[in-house]
Amino acid sequence: MFSPKMKSQGWRFVTYALLHAGLIHLLGNMIVQLLIGVPLEVVHKPWRIGPLYLMAVLSGSLLQYTLDPKVYVVGASAGVYALLTAHLANVVINWAEMPYRWVRLTLLSIFLIFDIGTALIRRFCMDECDTVSHSAHIAGGITGFLFGVVILYNVVERPWEKIIKYICIALYVAFLGFTLSLTIFQDPDASPLWDSSKCTDIE
């Protein structure tokens, strides 16, 4: 479990992804990881997908701590969401070589719009304490796309794709630097930027 008051135990920023809030939570993440993660590993190899997944998990806990340092988090959804947006990164960097690219882009966009839309409705219109760590999902999505553009296999790298890659590197380094700095210097009892202190977040 990621425990803000135990942030000195650095392993918690990653190992929280191994714990889940029940069997349904665990099975759901495992099934989605198999469905969207295995195809990525087949094409891009585990040595690319593994670091992407771990960086997403780390980013998830960092952003959660940054926005609300009082909340505990468990679950692998930051990594799962990174796998999803890595598919989007794959479409972008291999656009010309990608078969059925418009179909893939449309399906990914529909899912992301639906998932983000329902999350916003749950968070702001229905139940302020829905026990879902939206911060970790957001961080995972950011990592999957930005880090994915950089690390995934690019069949034919074109000049404009190199520019996109450098932009993504700069954005992700800035994102990590911001969240890491606040995590280091922010007190666990500090007032949250995104108040979910009544909840113990799961993903």
N, C-alpha and C. Protein backbone atom coordinates (compact mmCIF):
# COMPACT_ATOMS: atom_id res chain seq x y z
N MET A 1 0.84 -1.20 0.00
CA MET A 1 0.00 0.00 0.00
C MET A 1 0.88 1.25 0.00
N PHE A 2 0.48 2.24 -0.81
CA PHE A 2 1.19 3.51 -0.77
C PHE A 2 0.65 4.33 0.39
N SER A 3 1.50 4.56 1.39
CA SER A 3 1.12 5.30 2.58
C SER A 3 1.90 6.61 2.61
N PRO A 4 1.22 7.75 2.47
CA PRO A 4 1.92 9.04 2.43
C PRO A 4 2.82 9.29 3.64
N LYS A 5 2.38 8.88 4.82
CA LYS A 5 3.17 9.13 6.02
C LYS A 5 4.42 8.26 6.07
N MET A 6 4.50 7.27 5.18
CA MET A 6 5.68 6.40 5.12
C MET A 6 6.43 6.61 3.81
N LYS A 7 6.44 7.84 3.31
CA LYS A 7 7.07 8.10 2.02
C LYS A 7 8.57 7.87 2.05
N SER A 8 9.16 7.82 3.23
CA SER A 8 10.59 7.52 3.32
C SER A 8 10.89 6.08 2.90
N GLN A 9 9.87 5.23 2.95
CA GLN A 9 10.01 3.85 2.46
C GLN A 9 9.73 3.87 0.95
N GLY A 10 10.77 4.16 0.20
CA GLY A 10 10.62 4.45 -1.22
C GLY A 10 9.97 3.37 -2.04
N TRP A 11 10.11 2.11 -1.62
CA TRP A 11 9.52 1.01 -2.40
C TRP A 11 8.00 1.10 -2.48
N ARG A 12 7.39 1.77 -1.53
CA ARG A 12 5.93 1.87 -1.53
C ARG A 12 5.40 2.64 -2.74
N PHE A 13 6.22 3.49 -3.33
CA PHE A 13 5.79 4.25 -4.51
C PHE A 13 5.57 3.35 -5.72
N VAL A 14 6.06 2.11 -5.65
CA VAL A 14 5.89 1.16 -6.75
C VAL A 14 5.12 -0.09 -6.32
N THR A 15 5.43 -0.60 -5.13
CA THR A 15 4.86 -1.89 -4.72
C THR A 15 3.38 -1.82 -4.38
N TYR A 16 2.83 -0.62 -4.24
CA TYR A 16 1.38 -0.52 -3.99
C TYR A 16 0.58 -1.15 -5.12
N ALA A 17 1.19 -1.22 -6.30
CA ALA A 17 0.49 -1.80 -7.47
C ALA A 17 0.28 -3.30 -7.32
N LEU A 18 1.00 -3.94 -6.40
CA LEU A 18 0.85 -5.38 -6.20
C LEU A 18 -0.34 -5.71 -5.31
N LEU A 19 -0.84 -4.73 -4.60
CA LEU A 19 -1.98 -4.94 -3.69
C LEU A 19 -3.26 -4.42 -4.33
N HIS A 20 -4.37 -5.10 -4.04
CA HIS A 20 -5.66 -4.68 -4.60
C HIS A 20 -6.74 -4.76 -3.53
N ALA A 21 -7.80 -4.01 -3.75
CA ALA A 21 -8.90 -3.95 -2.78
C ALA A 21 -9.93 -5.02 -3.08
N GLY A 22 -9.51 -6.26 -3.05
CA GLY A 22 -10.44 -7.35 -3.28
C GLY A 22 -10.17 -8.10 -4.58
N LEU A 23 -10.82 -9.26 -4.70
CA LEU A 23 -10.60 -10.14 -5.85
C LEU A 23 -11.06 -9.52 -7.16
N ILE A 24 -12.21 -8.84 -7.15
CA ILE A 24 -12.74 -8.24 -8.37
C ILE A 24 -11.78 -7.17 -8.90
N HIS A 25 -11.26 -6.37 -8.00
CA HIS A 25 -10.29 -5.33 -8.37
C HIS A 25 -9.05 -5.96 -9.01
N LEU A 26 -8.55 -7.03 -8.40
CA LEU A 26 -7.37 -7.72 -8.92
C LEU A 26 -7.63 -8.35 -10.27
N LEU A 27 -8.72 -9.10 -10.39
CA LEU A 27 -9.04 -9.78 -11.64
C LEU A 27 -9.27 -8.79 -12.78
N GLY A 28 -9.95 -7.70 -12.47
CA GLY A 28 -10.21 -6.69 -13.49
C GLY A 28 -8.93 -6.14 -14.08
N ASN A 29 -7.99 -5.79 -13.20
CA ASN A 29 -6.71 -5.27 -13.69
C ASN A 29 -5.90 -6.32 -14.43
N MET A 30 -5.93 -7.56 -13.94
CA MET A 30 -5.18 -8.63 -14.60
C MET A 30 -5.71 -8.90 -16.01
N ILE A 31 -7.03 -8.94 -16.15
CA ILE A 31 -7.63 -9.23 -17.45
C ILE A 31 -7.30 -8.13 -18.45
N VAL A 32 -7.44 -6.88 -18.01
CA VAL A 32 -7.15 -5.76 -18.91
C VAL A 32 -5.67 -5.75 -19.29
N GLN A 33 -4.80 -6.04 -18.32
CA GLN A 33 -3.36 -6.07 -18.61
C GLN A 33 -3.04 -7.13 -19.65
N LEU A 34 -3.67 -8.28 -19.55
CA LEU A 34 -3.43 -9.34 -20.53
C LEU A 34 -3.94 -8.95 -21.90
N LEU A 35 -5.12 -8.36 -21.94
CA LEU A 35 -5.75 -8.03 -23.23
C LEU A 35 -5.00 -6.93 -23.97
N ILE A 36 -4.53 -5.91 -23.25
CA ILE A 36 -3.88 -4.79 -23.94
C ILE A 36 -2.37 -4.79 -23.78
N GLY A 37 -1.86 -5.51 -22.78
CA GLY A 37 -0.42 -5.51 -22.54
C GLY A 37 0.34 -6.52 -23.38
N VAL A 38 -0.22 -7.72 -23.53
CA VAL A 38 0.47 -8.77 -24.29
C VAL A 38 0.70 -8.36 -25.75
N PRO A 39 -0.31 -7.80 -26.45
CA PRO A 39 -0.05 -7.35 -27.82
C PRO A 39 1.07 -6.32 -27.92
N LEU A 40 1.16 -5.44 -26.93
CA LEU A 40 2.24 -4.46 -26.93
C LEU A 40 3.59 -5.13 -26.75
N GLU A 41 3.66 -6.12 -25.84
CA GLU A 41 4.92 -6.81 -25.60
C GLU A 41 5.36 -7.62 -26.82
N VAL A 42 4.41 -8.19 -27.53
CA VAL A 42 4.75 -8.98 -28.72
C VAL A 42 5.43 -8.09 -29.77
N VAL A 43 4.90 -6.90 -29.96
CA VAL A 43 5.42 -5.99 -30.99
C VAL A 43 6.64 -5.21 -30.50
N HIS A 44 6.56 -4.68 -29.28
CA HIS A 44 7.58 -3.75 -28.81
C HIS A 44 8.58 -4.36 -27.83
N LYS A 45 8.37 -5.60 -27.43
CA LYS A 45 9.27 -6.36 -26.56
C LYS A 45 9.15 -5.92 -25.10
N PRO A 46 9.32 -6.89 -24.18
CA PRO A 46 9.16 -6.61 -22.74
C PRO A 46 10.11 -5.55 -22.20
N TRP A 47 11.31 -5.44 -22.78
CA TRP A 47 12.27 -4.48 -22.23
C TRP A 47 11.84 -3.03 -22.48
N ARG A 48 10.87 -2.84 -23.37
CA ARG A 48 10.30 -1.50 -23.53
C ARG A 48 9.05 -1.33 -22.67
N ILE A 49 8.20 -2.34 -22.66
CA ILE A 49 6.92 -2.23 -21.96
C ILE A 49 7.11 -2.27 -20.45
N GLY A 50 8.07 -3.06 -19.97
CA GLY A 50 8.32 -3.15 -18.53
C GLY A 50 8.65 -1.80 -17.90
N PRO A 51 9.66 -1.09 -18.40
CA PRO A 51 9.97 0.24 -17.85
C PRO A 51 8.82 1.22 -17.96
N LEU A 52 8.09 1.16 -19.07
CA LEU A 52 6.93 2.05 -19.24
C LEU A 52 5.90 1.80 -18.14
N TYR A 53 5.63 0.53 -17.87
CA TYR A 53 4.65 0.16 -16.85
C TYR A 53 5.11 0.63 -15.46
N LEU A 54 6.38 0.37 -15.14
CA LEU A 54 6.89 0.74 -13.82
C LEU A 54 6.93 2.26 -13.64
N MET A 55 7.28 2.98 -14.68
CA MET A 55 7.29 4.45 -14.59
C MET A 55 5.88 4.99 -14.40
N ALA A 56 4.90 4.32 -15.00
CA ALA A 56 3.50 4.74 -14.82
C ALA A 56 3.05 4.53 -13.38
N VAL A 57 3.42 3.40 -12.81
CA VAL A 57 3.07 3.11 -11.41
C VAL A 57 3.70 4.14 -10.48
N LEU A 58 4.99 4.42 -10.72
CA LEU A 58 5.68 5.44 -9.92
C LEU A 58 5.02 6.81 -10.08
N SER A 59 4.72 7.17 -11.30
CA SER A 59 4.09 8.47 -11.56
C SER A 59 2.72 8.57 -10.90
N GLY A 60 2.01 7.44 -10.85
CA GLY A 60 0.69 7.41 -10.23
C GLY A 60 0.74 7.79 -8.76
N SER A 61 1.68 7.20 -8.03
CA SER A 61 1.80 7.52 -6.60
C SER A 61 2.33 8.94 -6.39
N LEU A 62 3.23 9.37 -7.27
CA LEU A 62 3.76 10.74 -7.14
C LEU A 62 2.68 11.78 -7.34
N LEU A 63 1.85 11.60 -8.37
CA LEU A 63 0.80 12.59 -8.63
C LEU A 63 -0.27 12.54 -7.55
N GLN A 64 -0.60 11.34 -7.07
CA GLN A 64 -1.58 11.23 -5.99
C GLN A 64 -1.09 11.97 -4.75
N TYR A 65 0.18 11.77 -4.42
CA TYR A 65 0.74 12.46 -3.26
C TYR A 65 0.76 13.97 -3.49
N THR A 66 1.07 14.38 -4.71
CA THR A 66 1.13 15.81 -5.03
C THR A 66 -0.22 16.48 -4.85
N LEU A 67 -1.29 15.83 -5.32
CA LEU A 67 -2.62 16.43 -5.28
C LEU A 67 -3.31 16.24 -3.93
N ASP A 68 -3.07 15.11 -3.29
CA ASP A 68 -3.70 14.87 -1.99
C ASP A 68 -2.80 13.97 -1.15
N PRO A 69 -1.89 14.54 -0.37
CA PRO A 69 -0.89 13.77 0.36
C PRO A 69 -1.42 13.01 1.57
N LYS A 70 -2.73 13.02 1.79
CA LYS A 70 -3.28 12.30 2.94
C LYS A 70 -3.87 10.95 2.57
N VAL A 71 -3.90 10.63 1.29
CA VAL A 71 -4.66 9.48 0.81
C VAL A 71 -3.77 8.27 0.58
N TYR A 72 -4.28 7.10 0.97
CA TYR A 72 -3.62 5.83 0.73
C TYR A 72 -4.09 5.25 -0.61
N VAL A 73 -3.20 4.56 -1.31
CA VAL A 73 -3.54 4.04 -2.63
C VAL A 73 -3.07 2.60 -2.79
N VAL A 74 -3.92 1.77 -3.40
CA VAL A 74 -3.53 0.42 -3.82
C VAL A 74 -4.05 0.18 -5.23
N GLY A 75 -3.44 -0.74 -5.94
CA GLY A 75 -3.94 -1.12 -7.26
C GLY A 75 -2.99 -0.78 -8.39
N ALA A 76 -3.15 -1.49 -9.49
CA ALA A 76 -2.24 -1.36 -10.63
C ALA A 76 -2.81 -0.55 -11.78
N SER A 77 -3.85 0.21 -11.53
CA SER A 77 -4.53 0.89 -12.63
C SER A 77 -3.70 1.97 -13.30
N ALA A 78 -2.73 2.54 -12.59
CA ALA A 78 -1.83 3.50 -13.24
C ALA A 78 -1.07 2.82 -14.36
N GLY A 79 -0.58 1.61 -14.08
CA GLY A 79 0.12 0.84 -15.10
C GLY A 79 -0.79 0.40 -16.22
N VAL A 80 -2.01 -0.01 -15.87
CA VAL A 80 -2.98 -0.44 -16.87
C VAL A 80 -3.33 0.71 -17.81
N TYR A 81 -3.55 1.87 -17.24
CA TYR A 81 -3.90 3.02 -18.06
C TYR A 81 -2.73 3.42 -18.96
N ALA A 82 -1.51 3.22 -18.48
CA ALA A 82 -0.34 3.50 -19.31
C ALA A 82 -0.29 2.57 -20.51
N LEU A 83 -0.64 1.31 -20.32
CA LEU A 83 -0.68 0.37 -21.44
C LEU A 83 -1.70 0.81 -22.48
N LEU A 84 -2.82 1.33 -21.99
CA LEU A 84 -3.86 1.79 -22.90
C LEU A 84 -3.39 2.97 -23.74
N THR A 85 -2.83 3.98 -23.10
CA THR A 85 -2.40 5.16 -23.85
C THR A 85 -1.11 4.89 -24.63
N ALA A 86 -0.38 3.83 -24.25
CA ALA A 86 0.77 3.43 -25.06
C ALA A 86 0.31 2.95 -26.44
N HIS A 87 -0.87 2.34 -26.49
CA HIS A 87 -1.44 1.96 -27.79
C HIS A 87 -1.67 3.21 -28.64
N LEU A 88 -2.11 4.28 -27.99
CA LEU A 88 -2.31 5.55 -28.71
C LEU A 88 -0.97 6.09 -29.21
N ALA A 89 0.05 6.02 -28.37
CA ALA A 89 1.39 6.45 -28.78
C ALA A 89 1.89 5.62 -29.95
N ASN A 90 1.60 4.33 -29.91
CA ASN A 90 2.00 3.43 -30.99
C ASN A 90 1.37 3.84 -32.32
N VAL A 91 0.10 4.20 -32.28
CA VAL A 91 -0.59 4.64 -33.50
C VAL A 91 0.05 5.93 -34.03
N VAL A 92 0.38 6.84 -33.13
CA VAL A 92 0.94 8.13 -33.54
C VAL A 92 2.31 7.96 -34.20
N ILE A 93 3.21 7.23 -33.56
CA ILE A 93 4.59 7.15 -34.08
C ILE A 93 4.71 6.20 -35.27
N ASN A 94 3.73 5.32 -35.45
CA ASN A 94 3.76 4.40 -36.59
C ASN A 94 2.55 4.61 -37.50
N TRP A 95 2.14 5.85 -37.62
CA TRP A 95 0.91 6.17 -38.35
C TRP A 95 0.93 5.66 -39.78
N ALA A 96 1.97 5.94 -40.50
CA ALA A 96 2.03 5.56 -41.92
C ALA A 96 2.09 4.05 -42.11
N GLU A 97 2.67 3.36 -41.14
CA GLU A 97 2.84 1.90 -41.25
C GLU A 97 1.72 1.12 -40.58
N MET A 98 0.83 1.81 -39.90
CA MET A 98 -0.19 1.15 -39.08
C MET A 98 -1.41 0.74 -39.91
N PRO A 99 -1.72 -0.57 -39.98
CA PRO A 99 -2.95 -0.98 -40.66
C PRO A 99 -4.17 -0.61 -39.82
N TYR A 100 -5.26 -0.24 -40.48
CA TYR A 100 -6.50 0.12 -39.80
C TYR A 100 -6.28 1.21 -38.75
N ARG A 101 -5.42 2.18 -39.10
CA ARG A 101 -5.05 3.20 -38.11
C ARG A 101 -6.24 4.03 -37.65
N TRP A 102 -7.15 4.36 -38.58
CA TRP A 102 -8.30 5.17 -38.20
C TRP A 102 -9.25 4.39 -37.29
N VAL A 103 -9.36 3.10 -37.53
CA VAL A 103 -10.20 2.25 -36.67
C VAL A 103 -9.61 2.20 -35.27
N ARG A 104 -8.30 1.97 -35.18
CA ARG A 104 -7.63 1.91 -33.88
C ARG A 104 -7.76 3.23 -33.14
N LEU A 105 -7.51 4.32 -33.86
CA LEU A 105 -7.58 5.64 -33.24
C LEU A 105 -8.99 5.95 -32.77
N THR A 106 -9.98 5.59 -33.55
CA THR A 106 -11.38 5.84 -33.18
C THR A 106 -11.77 5.04 -31.95
N LEU A 107 -11.43 3.76 -31.92
CA LEU A 107 -11.78 2.91 -30.77
C LEU A 107 -11.10 3.40 -29.50
N LEU A 108 -9.81 3.73 -29.60
CA LEU A 108 -9.09 4.24 -28.44
C LEU A 108 -9.70 5.56 -27.94
N SER A 109 -10.03 6.43 -28.88
CA SER A 109 -10.60 7.73 -28.51
C SER A 109 -11.96 7.58 -27.85
N ILE A 110 -12.79 6.69 -28.39
CA ILE A 110 -14.11 6.46 -27.80
C ILE A 110 -13.98 5.96 -26.37
N PHE A 111 -13.08 4.99 -26.17
CA PHE A 111 -12.90 4.44 -24.83
C PHE A 111 -12.41 5.50 -23.86
N LEU A 112 -11.39 6.27 -24.28
CA LEU A 112 -10.83 7.28 -23.40
C LEU A 112 -11.84 8.37 -23.06
N ILE A 113 -12.58 8.82 -24.05
CA ILE A 113 -13.60 9.85 -23.81
C ILE A 113 -14.67 9.33 -22.86
N PHE A 114 -15.11 8.09 -23.08
CA PHE A 114 -16.13 7.49 -22.21
C PHE A 114 -15.61 7.33 -20.79
N ASP A 115 -14.40 6.80 -20.65
CA ASP A 115 -13.85 6.53 -19.33
C ASP A 115 -13.58 7.82 -18.56
N ILE A 116 -12.98 8.79 -19.24
CA ILE A 116 -12.69 10.07 -18.58
C ILE A 116 -13.99 10.81 -18.26
N GLY A 117 -14.94 10.76 -19.17
CA GLY A 117 -16.23 11.42 -18.95
C GLY A 117 -16.97 10.85 -17.76
N THR A 118 -17.06 9.52 -17.68
CA THR A 118 -17.75 8.90 -16.55
C THR A 118 -17.02 9.15 -15.23
N ALA A 119 -15.68 9.19 -15.30
CA ALA A 119 -14.91 9.48 -14.09
C ALA A 119 -15.19 10.89 -13.58
N LEU A 120 -15.26 11.85 -14.49
CA LEU A 120 -15.55 13.23 -14.10
C LEU A 120 -16.96 13.35 -13.51
N ILE A 121 -17.90 12.64 -14.11
CA ILE A 121 -19.27 12.67 -13.60
C ILE A 121 -19.34 12.08 -12.20
N ARG A 122 -18.68 10.92 -12.01
CA ARG A 122 -18.67 10.29 -10.68
C ARG A 122 -18.01 11.20 -9.65
N ARG A 123 -16.91 11.82 -10.06
CA ARG A 123 -16.12 12.61 -9.11
C ARG A 123 -16.81 13.91 -8.72
N PHE A 124 -17.40 14.60 -9.68
CA PHE A 124 -17.90 15.95 -9.42
C PHE A 124 -19.42 16.06 -9.36
N CYS A 125 -20.14 15.10 -9.91
CA CYS A 125 -21.60 15.22 -9.97
C CYS A 125 -22.34 14.20 -9.12
N MET A 126 -21.71 13.08 -8.80
CA MET A 126 -22.43 12.02 -8.11
C MET A 126 -21.89 11.77 -6.71
N ASP A 127 -20.67 11.24 -6.64
CA ASP A 127 -20.13 10.84 -5.35
C ASP A 127 -18.71 11.38 -5.22
N GLU A 128 -18.52 12.34 -4.35
CA GLU A 128 -17.19 12.93 -4.18
C GLU A 128 -16.19 11.93 -3.63
N CYS A 129 -16.68 10.87 -3.04
CA CYS A 129 -15.80 9.86 -2.47
C CYS A 129 -16.08 8.52 -3.16
N ASP A 130 -15.65 8.40 -4.42
CA ASP A 130 -15.93 7.17 -5.15
C ASP A 130 -14.82 6.15 -5.05
N THR A 131 -13.81 6.42 -4.21
CA THR A 131 -12.70 5.53 -3.87
C THR A 131 -11.85 5.14 -5.07
N VAL A 132 -11.89 5.90 -6.12
CA VAL A 132 -11.03 5.65 -7.28
C VAL A 132 -9.96 6.73 -7.34
N SER A 133 -8.71 6.32 -7.46
CA SER A 133 -7.62 7.28 -7.53
C SER A 133 -7.49 7.82 -8.95
N HIS A 134 -8.29 8.84 -9.25
CA HIS A 134 -8.24 9.43 -10.59
C HIS A 134 -6.87 10.01 -10.88
N SER A 135 -6.19 10.48 -9.85
CA SER A 135 -4.85 11.04 -10.04
C SER A 135 -3.90 10.00 -10.60
N ALA A 136 -3.97 8.78 -10.08
CA ALA A 136 -3.10 7.71 -10.56
C ALA A 136 -3.44 7.34 -12.00
N HIS A 137 -4.74 7.33 -12.32
CA HIS A 137 -5.15 7.06 -13.70
C HIS A 137 -4.58 8.12 -14.65
N ILE A 138 -4.70 9.37 -14.24
CA ILE A 138 -4.20 10.48 -15.07
C ILE A 138 -2.70 10.35 -15.29
N ALA A 139 -1.97 10.09 -14.20
CA ALA A 139 -0.52 9.96 -14.30
C ALA A 139 -0.13 8.78 -15.19
N GLY A 140 -0.86 7.67 -15.05
CA GLY A 140 -0.60 6.52 -15.90
C GLY A 140 -0.83 6.83 -17.36
N GLY A 141 -1.92 7.54 -17.64
CA GLY A 141 -2.22 7.92 -19.01
C GLY A 141 -1.17 8.84 -19.60
N ILE A 142 -0.73 9.81 -18.81
CA ILE A 142 0.33 10.73 -19.26
C ILE A 142 1.61 9.96 -19.56
N THR A 143 1.97 9.06 -18.66
CA THR A 143 3.20 8.28 -18.83
C THR A 143 3.11 7.37 -20.05
N GLY A 144 1.98 6.69 -20.20
CA GLY A 144 1.83 5.77 -21.32
C GLY A 144 2.02 6.45 -22.65
N PHE A 145 1.49 7.67 -22.78
CA PHE A 145 1.61 8.36 -24.07
C PHE A 145 2.98 9.01 -24.23
N LEU A 146 3.38 9.85 -23.27
CA LEU A 146 4.64 10.60 -23.42
C LEU A 146 5.85 9.67 -23.43
N PHE A 147 5.90 8.75 -22.47
CA PHE A 147 7.03 7.81 -22.41
C PHE A 147 6.94 6.80 -23.54
N GLY A 148 5.70 6.48 -23.94
CA GLY A 148 5.50 5.54 -25.04
C GLY A 148 6.04 6.08 -26.35
N VAL A 149 5.79 7.35 -26.63
CA VAL A 149 6.31 7.97 -27.86
C VAL A 149 7.83 7.86 -27.91
N VAL A 150 8.46 7.94 -26.75
CA VAL A 150 9.92 7.92 -26.67
C VAL A 150 10.48 6.51 -26.78
N ILE A 151 9.87 5.55 -26.07
CA ILE A 151 10.49 4.24 -25.91
C ILE A 151 9.97 3.16 -26.86
N LEU A 152 8.77 3.31 -27.38
CA LEU A 152 8.21 2.26 -28.23
C LEU A 152 8.94 2.19 -29.58
N TYR A 153 8.87 1.02 -30.18
CA TYR A 153 9.56 0.79 -31.45
C TYR A 153 8.90 1.58 -32.57
N ASN A 154 9.70 2.40 -33.24
CA ASN A 154 9.23 3.20 -34.37
C ASN A 154 9.76 2.56 -35.66
N VAL A 155 8.86 2.05 -36.48
CA VAL A 155 9.26 1.31 -37.68
C VAL A 155 10.10 2.17 -38.61
N VAL A 156 9.61 3.36 -38.91
CA VAL A 156 10.35 4.32 -39.75
C VAL A 156 10.28 5.68 -39.07
N GLU A 157 11.40 6.13 -38.53
CA GLU A 157 11.40 7.40 -37.80
C GLU A 157 11.59 8.57 -38.76
N ARG A 158 10.61 9.42 -38.83
CA ARG A 158 10.64 10.59 -39.70
C ARG A 158 11.05 11.83 -38.92
N PRO A 159 11.49 12.87 -39.62
CA PRO A 159 11.96 14.09 -38.92
C PRO A 159 10.93 14.67 -37.96
N TRP A 160 9.66 14.73 -38.37
CA TRP A 160 8.64 15.31 -37.48
C TRP A 160 8.42 14.44 -36.25
N GLU A 161 8.64 13.12 -36.40
CA GLU A 161 8.49 12.22 -35.26
C GLU A 161 9.62 12.43 -34.25
N LYS A 162 10.81 12.77 -34.74
CA LYS A 162 11.90 13.09 -33.83
C LYS A 162 11.57 14.33 -33.00
N ILE A 163 10.96 15.32 -33.65
CA ILE A 163 10.56 16.53 -32.93
C ILE A 163 9.53 16.21 -31.86
N ILE A 164 8.53 15.39 -32.22
CA ILE A 164 7.52 14.96 -31.26
C ILE A 164 8.16 14.23 -30.09
N LYS A 165 9.14 13.39 -30.39
CA LYS A 165 9.82 12.63 -29.34
C LYS A 165 10.52 13.56 -28.35
N TYR A 166 11.23 14.57 -28.86
CA TYR A 166 11.93 15.51 -27.99
C TYR A 166 10.94 16.32 -27.15
N ILE A 167 9.82 16.68 -27.74
CA ILE A 167 8.79 17.40 -26.99
C ILE A 167 8.24 16.53 -25.86
N CYS A 168 7.99 15.27 -26.16
CA CYS A 168 7.47 14.34 -25.14
C CYS A 168 8.48 14.12 -24.02
N ILE A 169 9.76 14.04 -24.37
CA ILE A 169 10.79 13.90 -23.34
C ILE A 169 10.77 15.11 -22.41
N ALA A 170 10.72 16.31 -22.99
CA ALA A 170 10.72 17.53 -22.19
C ALA A 170 9.49 17.61 -21.29
N LEU A 171 8.33 17.27 -21.83
CA LEU A 171 7.09 17.32 -21.05
C LEU A 171 7.11 16.31 -19.92
N TYR A 172 7.60 15.10 -20.20
CA TYR A 172 7.58 14.06 -19.16
C TYR A 172 8.61 14.36 -18.07
N VAL A 173 9.77 14.86 -18.45
CA VAL A 173 10.77 15.24 -17.45
C VAL A 173 10.22 16.36 -16.56
N ALA A 174 9.53 17.32 -17.16
CA ALA A 174 8.93 18.41 -16.39
C ALA A 174 7.86 17.88 -15.43
N PHE A 175 7.03 16.96 -15.93
CA PHE A 175 5.98 16.35 -15.11
C PHE A 175 6.58 15.59 -13.94
N LEU A 176 7.59 14.76 -14.22
CA LEU A 176 8.23 14.00 -13.15
C LEU A 176 8.93 14.92 -12.16
N GLY A 177 9.63 15.93 -12.68
CA GLY A 177 10.33 16.85 -11.80
C GLY A 177 9.40 17.59 -10.87
N PHE A 178 8.26 18.02 -11.39
CA PHE A 178 7.27 18.74 -10.58
C PHE A 178 6.71 17.85 -9.47
N THR A 179 6.24 16.66 -9.84
CA THR A 179 5.64 15.77 -8.84
C THR A 179 6.67 15.25 -7.85
N LEU A 180 7.87 14.97 -8.32
CA LEU A 180 8.91 14.47 -7.42
C LEU A 180 9.33 15.55 -6.43
N SER A 181 9.44 16.78 -6.88
CA SER A 181 9.83 17.88 -5.99
C SER A 181 8.79 18.08 -4.89
N LEU A 182 7.52 18.10 -5.27
CA LEU A 182 6.47 18.27 -4.27
C LEU A 182 6.41 17.08 -3.32
N THR A 183 6.65 15.89 -3.84
CA THR A 183 6.64 14.70 -2.98
C THR A 183 7.76 14.76 -1.95
N ILE A 184 8.91 15.26 -2.35
CA ILE A 184 10.04 15.34 -1.44
C ILE A 184 9.81 16.40 -0.36
N PHE A 185 9.30 17.55 -0.76
CA PHE A 185 9.24 18.69 0.16
C PHE A 185 7.87 18.91 0.81
N GLN A 186 6.83 18.31 0.27
CA GLN A 186 5.49 18.54 0.81
C GLN A 186 5.22 17.63 2.01
N ASP A 187 4.67 18.21 3.05
CA ASP A 187 4.33 17.45 4.25
C ASP A 187 3.08 16.61 4.01
N PRO A 188 3.04 15.37 4.53
CA PRO A 188 1.85 14.52 4.35
C PRO A 188 0.57 15.12 4.90
N ASP A 189 0.70 16.05 5.84
CA ASP A 189 -0.49 16.69 6.42
C ASP A 189 -0.85 18.00 5.75
N ALA A 190 -0.21 18.30 4.63
CA ALA A 190 -0.49 19.55 3.92
C ALA A 190 -1.90 19.52 3.34
N SER A 191 -2.46 20.70 3.14
CA SER A 191 -3.80 20.80 2.56
C SER A 191 -3.77 20.28 1.12
N PRO A 192 -4.73 19.42 0.78
CA PRO A 192 -4.73 18.82 -0.56
C PRO A 192 -5.14 19.80 -1.64
N LEU A 193 -4.57 19.63 -2.83
CA LEU A 193 -5.01 20.39 -3.99
C LEU A 193 -6.30 19.80 -4.54
N TRP A 194 -6.44 18.47 -4.40
CA TRP A 194 -7.64 17.75 -4.84
C TRP A 194 -8.10 16.95 -3.64
N ASP A 195 -9.08 17.47 -2.92
CA ASP A 195 -9.44 16.90 -1.63
C ASP A 195 -10.22 15.61 -1.76
N SER A 196 -9.58 14.52 -1.38
CA SER A 196 -10.29 13.24 -1.28
C SER A 196 -9.93 12.59 0.05
N SER A 197 -9.68 13.43 1.04
CA SER A 197 -9.17 12.97 2.32
C SER A 197 -10.15 12.09 3.09
N LYS A 198 -11.42 12.11 2.71
CA LYS A 198 -12.39 11.25 3.38
C LYS A 198 -12.35 9.83 2.84
N CYS A 199 -11.57 9.62 1.79
CA CYS A 199 -11.54 8.33 1.13
C CYS A 199 -10.17 7.69 1.28
N THR A 200 -10.15 6.38 1.21
CA THR A 200 -8.91 5.65 1.01
C THR A 200 -8.95 5.17 -0.42
N ASP A 201 -8.18 5.76 -1.28
CA ASP A 201 -8.32 5.51 -2.72
C ASP A 201 -7.85 4.12 -3.12
N ILE A 202 -8.62 3.51 -3.98
CA ILE A 202 -8.19 2.32 -4.70
C ILE A 202 -8.22 2.70 -6.16
N GLU A 203 -7.61 1.86 -6.98
CA GLU A 203 -7.59 2.19 -8.39
C GLU A 203 -8.38 1.20 -9.18
